[in-house]
């Protein structure tokens, strides 16, 4: 009986967590869809340009997300055990953080070259501007949403 009660408690605790994960995934999908629509509108891509650009863009975004996740995970792990790390371990982790950021920069350069092969330079510049404007839009939207709750 005790095992059954423990199982029920675990289920009740797990349900909200699963719902939160679904909400997060749904929100991220909505943001990605908004981003694609925003970039498409800003770049005014032809059908041919879109067919060449979006596969490269999606590949870039996936690799970039993987690196960002790697950096965030390393930072979370560092935060958890900071007090117990030796000076050498702290130096190694700090260097690792910079190494990951360097990987991100190399990735950006690699995909910049790929973007330049599939789009005219003007549209590559418009893409960079659109990415920046979209991030600002998101920050403002979520900052405003957060202040509504106060």
Protein backbone atom coordinates (compact mmCIF):
# COMPACT_ATOMS: atom_id res chain seq x y z
CA UNK A 1 0.00 0.00 0.00
CA UNK A 2 2.82 2.39 0.90
CA UNK A 3 4.42 1.76 -2.52
CA UNK A 4 1.12 2.56 -4.22
CA UNK A 5 0.81 5.85 -2.32
CA UNK A 6 4.40 6.77 -3.22
CA UNK A 7 3.67 5.99 -6.86
CA UNK A 8 0.60 8.24 -6.79
CA UNK A 9 2.62 11.06 -5.24
CA UNK A 10 5.27 10.71 -7.93
CA UNK A 11 2.60 10.78 -10.64
CA UNK A 12 1.01 13.93 -9.24
CA UNK A 13 4.39 15.64 -9.03
CA UNK A 14 5.38 14.52 -12.54
CA UNK A 15 2.24 15.70 -14.32
CA UNK A 16 2.87 19.46 -13.88
CA UNK A 17 6.51 18.99 -14.88
CA UNK A 18 5.49 17.17 -18.07
CA UNK A 19 2.95 19.91 -18.81
CA UNK A 20 5.63 22.57 -18.32
CA UNK A 21 7.92 20.74 -20.74
CA UNK A 22 5.12 20.54 -23.33
CA UNK A 23 4.34 24.24 -22.85
CA UNK A 24 8.02 25.12 -23.32
CA UNK A 25 8.29 22.97 -26.46
CA UNK A 26 5.10 24.51 -27.85
CA UNK A 27 6.33 28.03 -27.09
CA UNK A 28 9.69 27.33 -28.75
CA UNK A 29 7.94 26.01 -31.87
CA UNK A 30 5.78 29.13 -32.01
CA UNK A 31 8.83 31.35 -31.67
CA UNK A 32 10.65 29.47 -34.45
CA UNK A 33 7.61 29.80 -36.72
CA UNK A 34 7.45 33.55 -35.98
CA UNK A 35 11.17 33.84 -36.67
CA UNK A 36 10.89 32.08 -40.03
CA UNK A 37 7.96 34.29 -41.03
CA UNK A 38 9.83 37.40 -39.89
CA UNK A 39 13.02 36.51 -41.77
CA UNK A 40 11.09 35.50 -44.88
CA UNK A 41 9.28 38.83 -44.87
CA UNK A 42 12.41 40.88 -44.19
CA UNK A 43 14.52 39.16 -46.86
CA UNK A 44 11.80 39.01 -49.51
CA UNK A 45 13.27 35.73 -50.76
CA UNK A 46 12.48 34.43 -54.21
CA UNK A 47 11.32 30.81 -54.43
CA UNK A 48 14.77 29.77 -55.65
CA UNK A 49 16.55 31.70 -52.90
CA UNK A 50 14.25 30.24 -50.25
CA UNK A 51 14.90 26.69 -51.47
CA UNK A 52 18.64 27.27 -51.15
CA UNK A 53 18.63 29.40 -47.99
CA UNK A 54 16.33 27.53 -45.57
CA UNK A 55 18.21 24.19 -45.54
CA UNK A 56 21.49 26.03 -44.82
CA UNK A 57 19.79 28.21 -42.20
CA UNK A 58 18.19 25.21 -40.47
CA UNK A 59 21.50 23.34 -40.40
CA UNK A 60 23.23 26.40 -38.95
CA UNK A 61 20.57 26.92 -36.30
CA UNK A 62 20.76 23.27 -35.20
CA UNK A 63 24.55 23.33 -34.86
CA UNK A 64 24.42 26.70 -33.12
CA UNK A 65 21.76 25.46 -30.70
CA UNK A 66 23.88 22.41 -29.92
CA UNK A 67 26.87 24.62 -29.04
CA UNK A 68 24.75 26.98 -26.95
CA UNK A 69 23.28 24.00 -25.08
CA UNK A 70 26.79 22.64 -24.51
CA UNK A 71 27.92 25.99 -23.07
CA UNK A 72 24.84 26.32 -20.86
CA UNK A 73 25.23 22.79 -19.55
CA UNK A 74 28.87 23.44 -18.71
CA UNK A 75 27.90 26.63 -16.87
CA UNK A 76 25.16 24.83 -14.90
CA UNK A 77 27.60 22.12 -13.88
CA UNK A 78 30.17 24.72 -12.90
CA UNK A 79 27.64 26.61 -10.78
CA UNK A 80 26.64 23.46 -8.92
CA UNK A 81 30.14 22.54 -7.86
CA UNK A 82 32.04 25.85 -7.89
CA UNK A 83 32.95 25.74 -4.19
CA UNK A 84 34.50 22.27 -4.46
CA UNK A 85 36.63 22.93 -7.55
CA UNK A 86 40.38 23.32 -7.40
CA UNK A 87 41.99 26.38 -8.95
CA UNK A 88 43.22 24.26 -11.89
CA UNK A 89 39.70 22.91 -12.49
CA UNK A 90 38.32 26.45 -12.44
CA UNK A 91 40.94 27.54 -14.97
CA UNK A 92 40.16 24.53 -17.18
CA UNK A 93 36.42 25.27 -17.06
CA UNK A 94 36.97 28.95 -17.83
CA UNK A 95 39.16 27.98 -20.80
CA UNK A 96 36.55 25.47 -21.93
CA UNK A 97 33.89 28.20 -21.87
CA UNK A 98 36.00 30.40 -24.14
CA UNK A 99 36.78 27.42 -26.41
CA UNK A 100 33.05 26.81 -26.91
CA UNK A 101 32.52 30.50 -27.71
CA UNK A 102 35.35 30.25 -30.25
CA UNK A 103 33.59 27.24 -31.79
CA UNK A 104 30.46 29.38 -32.09
CA UNK A 105 32.45 32.11 -33.86
CA UNK A 106 33.99 29.58 -36.26
CA UNK A 107 30.53 28.16 -36.94
CA UNK A 108 29.21 31.64 -37.68
CA UNK A 109 32.07 32.28 -40.12
CA UNK A 110 31.52 28.91 -41.84
CA UNK A 111 27.81 29.58 -42.29
CA UNK A 112 28.39 33.18 -43.29
CA UNK A 113 30.40 31.80 -46.22
CA UNK A 114 27.59 29.33 -47.00
CA UNK A 115 24.96 32.09 -46.85
CA UNK A 116 27.05 34.17 -49.25
CA UNK A 117 26.97 31.28 -51.72
CA UNK A 118 23.18 30.94 -51.67
CA UNK A 119 22.11 34.59 -51.34
CA UNK A 120 23.27 37.94 -52.68
CA UNK A 121 25.34 39.94 -50.17
CA UNK A 122 22.50 42.42 -49.66
CA UNK A 123 20.16 39.67 -48.48
CA UNK A 124 22.83 38.21 -46.19
CA UNK A 125 23.12 41.64 -44.58
CA UNK A 126 19.32 41.85 -44.36
CA UNK A 127 19.33 38.41 -42.70
CA UNK A 128 21.76 39.61 -39.99
CA UNK A 129 19.63 42.71 -39.42
CA UNK A 130 16.46 40.63 -39.31
CA UNK A 131 17.97 38.25 -36.74
CA UNK A 132 18.95 41.21 -34.57
CA UNK A 133 15.53 42.89 -34.89
CA UNK A 134 13.74 39.63 -34.11
CA UNK A 135 15.79 39.11 -30.92
CA UNK A 136 15.00 42.66 -29.83
CA UNK A 137 11.32 42.06 -30.55
CA UNK A 138 11.37 38.92 -28.38
CA UNK A 139 13.15 40.67 -25.52
CA UNK A 140 10.64 43.51 -25.57
CA UNK A 141 7.69 41.13 -25.80
CA UNK A 142 8.78 38.99 -22.87
CA UNK A 143 9.87 41.98 -20.80
CA UNK A 144 6.42 43.50 -21.35
CA UNK A 145 4.71 40.19 -20.59
CA UNK A 146 6.72 39.89 -17.36
CA UNK A 147 5.78 43.40 -16.22
CA UNK A 148 2.08 42.62 -16.79
CA UNK A 149 2.28 39.98 -14.04
CA UNK A 150 3.52 42.47 -11.41
